[in-house]
N, C-alpha and C. Protein backbone atom coordinates (compact mmCIF):
# COMPACT_ATOMS: atom_id res chain seq x y z
N UNK A 1 34.18 67.85 114.64
CA UNK A 1 33.23 68.89 114.35
C UNK A 1 33.97 70.22 114.22
N UNK A 2 33.84 70.79 113.06
CA UNK A 2 34.49 72.07 112.80
C UNK A 2 33.44 73.18 112.76
N UNK A 3 33.80 74.33 113.26
CA UNK A 3 32.91 75.48 113.27
C UNK A 3 33.17 76.31 112.01
N UNK A 4 32.17 76.42 111.12
CA UNK A 4 32.37 77.14 109.86
C UNK A 4 32.22 78.65 109.94
N UNK A 5 32.09 79.19 111.15
CA UNK A 5 31.81 80.62 111.29
C UNK A 5 32.89 81.49 110.64
N UNK A 6 34.15 81.17 110.84
CA UNK A 6 35.22 81.97 110.25
C UNK A 6 35.17 81.92 108.72
N UNK A 7 34.84 80.78 108.18
CA UNK A 7 34.72 80.66 106.73
C UNK A 7 33.58 81.52 106.22
N UNK A 8 32.48 81.52 106.95
CA UNK A 8 31.33 82.34 106.56
C UNK A 8 31.68 83.82 106.64
N UNK A 9 32.44 84.21 107.65
CA UNK A 9 32.87 85.61 107.74
C UNK A 9 33.80 85.98 106.58
N UNK A 10 34.59 85.03 106.10
CA UNK A 10 35.44 85.32 104.94
C UNK A 10 34.58 85.55 103.70
N UNK A 11 33.43 84.89 103.64
CA UNK A 11 32.49 85.14 102.55
C UNK A 11 31.99 86.58 102.62
N UNK A 12 31.72 87.07 103.82
CA UNK A 12 31.29 88.47 103.98
C UNK A 12 32.38 89.42 103.47
N UNK A 13 33.62 89.10 103.76
CA UNK A 13 34.73 89.93 103.26
C UNK A 13 34.78 89.91 101.74
N UNK A 14 34.57 88.74 101.15
CA UNK A 14 34.56 88.63 99.69
C UNK A 14 33.41 89.45 99.11
N UNK A 15 32.25 89.35 99.72
CA UNK A 15 31.10 90.11 99.23
C UNK A 15 31.38 91.61 99.28
N UNK A 16 31.99 92.08 100.35
CA UNK A 16 32.36 93.49 100.42
C UNK A 16 33.36 93.86 99.32
N UNK A 17 34.31 92.98 99.09
CA UNK A 17 35.35 93.24 98.09
C UNK A 17 34.76 93.40 96.69
N UNK A 18 33.71 92.64 96.40
CA UNK A 18 33.10 92.72 95.06
C UNK A 18 31.93 93.69 95.02
N UNK A 19 31.79 94.49 96.07
CA UNK A 19 30.78 95.54 96.06
C UNK A 19 29.39 95.14 96.52
N UNK A 20 29.26 93.97 97.06
CA UNK A 20 27.96 93.49 97.55
C UNK A 20 27.84 93.78 99.05
N UNK A 21 27.86 95.05 99.39
CA UNK A 21 27.91 95.46 100.79
C UNK A 21 26.68 95.06 101.58
N UNK A 22 25.50 95.15 100.99
CA UNK A 22 24.27 94.78 101.70
C UNK A 22 24.29 93.29 102.04
N UNK A 23 24.67 92.46 101.09
CA UNK A 23 24.74 91.02 101.34
C UNK A 23 25.77 90.71 102.42
N UNK A 24 26.88 91.42 102.40
CA UNK A 24 27.90 91.23 103.43
C UNK A 24 27.35 91.57 104.80
N UNK A 25 26.55 92.62 104.88
CA UNK A 25 25.95 93.00 106.17
C UNK A 25 24.97 91.94 106.65
N UNK A 26 24.23 91.31 105.73
CA UNK A 26 23.31 90.24 106.13
C UNK A 26 24.08 89.07 106.73
N UNK A 27 25.17 88.71 106.08
CA UNK A 27 25.99 87.59 106.57
C UNK A 27 26.58 87.93 107.93
N UNK A 28 27.14 89.11 108.05
CA UNK A 28 27.74 89.52 109.33
C UNK A 28 26.70 89.57 110.44
N UNK A 29 25.51 90.05 110.14
CA UNK A 29 24.44 90.11 111.15
C UNK A 29 24.02 88.71 111.56
N UNK A 30 23.95 87.80 110.60
CA UNK A 30 23.58 86.42 110.93
C UNK A 30 24.62 85.79 111.84
N UNK A 31 25.89 86.03 111.57
CA UNK A 31 26.96 85.50 112.42
C UNK A 31 26.87 86.11 113.82
N UNK A 32 26.68 87.40 113.88
CA UNK A 32 26.58 88.08 115.18
C UNK A 32 25.42 87.53 116.00
N UNK A 33 24.27 87.38 115.36
CA UNK A 33 23.10 86.84 116.06
C UNK A 33 23.35 85.41 116.54
N UNK A 34 23.97 84.61 115.68
CA UNK A 34 24.23 83.21 116.04
C UNK A 34 25.20 83.12 117.21
N UNK A 35 26.25 83.92 117.17
CA UNK A 35 27.22 83.90 118.27
C UNK A 35 26.59 84.35 119.58
N UNK A 36 25.69 85.33 119.51
CA UNK A 36 25.04 85.84 120.72
C UNK A 36 24.10 84.81 121.33
N UNK A 37 23.48 84.00 120.49
CA UNK A 37 22.50 83.04 121.00
C UNK A 37 23.06 81.65 121.23
N UNK A 38 24.26 81.40 120.76
CA UNK A 38 24.84 80.06 120.77
C UNK A 38 25.16 79.57 122.18
N UNK A 39 25.73 80.41 122.99
CA UNK A 39 26.14 79.98 124.32
C UNK A 39 27.21 78.91 124.24
N UNK A 40 27.14 77.95 125.13
CA UNK A 40 28.13 76.87 125.17
C UNK A 40 27.65 75.61 124.46
N UNK A 41 26.56 75.70 123.74
CA UNK A 41 26.01 74.52 123.09
C UNK A 41 26.96 74.00 122.02
N UNK A 42 27.01 72.70 121.90
CA UNK A 42 27.84 72.04 120.88
C UNK A 42 26.92 71.64 119.74
N UNK A 43 27.26 72.09 118.53
CA UNK A 43 26.47 71.75 117.35
C UNK A 43 27.39 71.23 116.27
N UNK A 44 26.82 70.49 115.36
CA UNK A 44 27.61 69.97 114.24
C UNK A 44 27.93 71.10 113.27
N UNK A 45 28.89 70.84 112.41
CA UNK A 45 29.27 71.80 111.38
C UNK A 45 28.06 72.17 110.53
N UNK A 46 27.31 71.16 110.11
CA UNK A 46 26.16 71.44 109.25
C UNK A 46 25.06 72.19 109.99
N UNK A 47 24.89 71.92 111.28
CA UNK A 47 23.87 72.65 112.05
C UNK A 47 24.23 74.13 112.16
N UNK A 48 25.49 74.41 112.38
CA UNK A 48 25.93 75.81 112.45
C UNK A 48 25.76 76.47 111.08
N UNK A 49 26.20 75.79 110.04
CA UNK A 49 26.06 76.33 108.69
C UNK A 49 24.62 76.58 108.31
N UNK A 50 23.74 75.64 108.67
CA UNK A 50 22.32 75.81 108.38
C UNK A 50 21.75 77.01 109.13
N UNK A 51 22.15 77.18 110.39
CA UNK A 51 21.67 78.31 111.18
C UNK A 51 22.15 79.63 110.59
N UNK A 52 23.40 79.67 110.16
CA UNK A 52 23.94 80.90 109.57
C UNK A 52 23.25 81.22 108.24
N UNK A 53 23.02 80.20 107.43
CA UNK A 53 22.34 80.41 106.15
C UNK A 53 20.92 80.91 106.37
N UNK A 54 20.22 80.30 107.31
CA UNK A 54 18.85 80.74 107.61
C UNK A 54 18.84 82.16 108.15
N UNK A 55 19.81 82.47 108.99
CA UNK A 55 19.89 83.82 109.54
C UNK A 55 20.14 84.87 108.47
N UNK A 56 21.05 84.57 107.56
CA UNK A 56 21.34 85.51 106.47
C UNK A 56 20.13 85.66 105.55
N UNK A 57 19.45 84.56 105.28
CA UNK A 57 18.27 84.61 104.41
C UNK A 57 17.17 85.45 105.05
N UNK A 58 17.01 85.32 106.36
CA UNK A 58 15.96 86.10 107.03
C UNK A 58 16.30 87.59 107.03
N UNK A 59 17.58 87.93 107.06
CA UNK A 59 17.98 89.34 107.00
C UNK A 59 17.70 89.92 105.62
N UNK A 60 17.76 89.09 104.59
CA UNK A 60 17.61 89.55 103.22
C UNK A 60 16.15 89.85 102.86
N UNK A 61 15.22 89.41 103.69
CA UNK A 61 13.80 89.62 103.37
C UNK A 61 13.35 91.02 103.68
């Protein structure tokens, strides 16, 4: 089980690089929220990715 959080944060860096600062902030906020609520729970790669995607989508609304 691999944690995709670092990869998702690299996406935020890419978004900033191409001028999509608002989208980068949504991604970063989703990661921050997920890390704060995660605790010591063990989740699959896809579960973490799904949570991050849902978090970013909710920030975009």
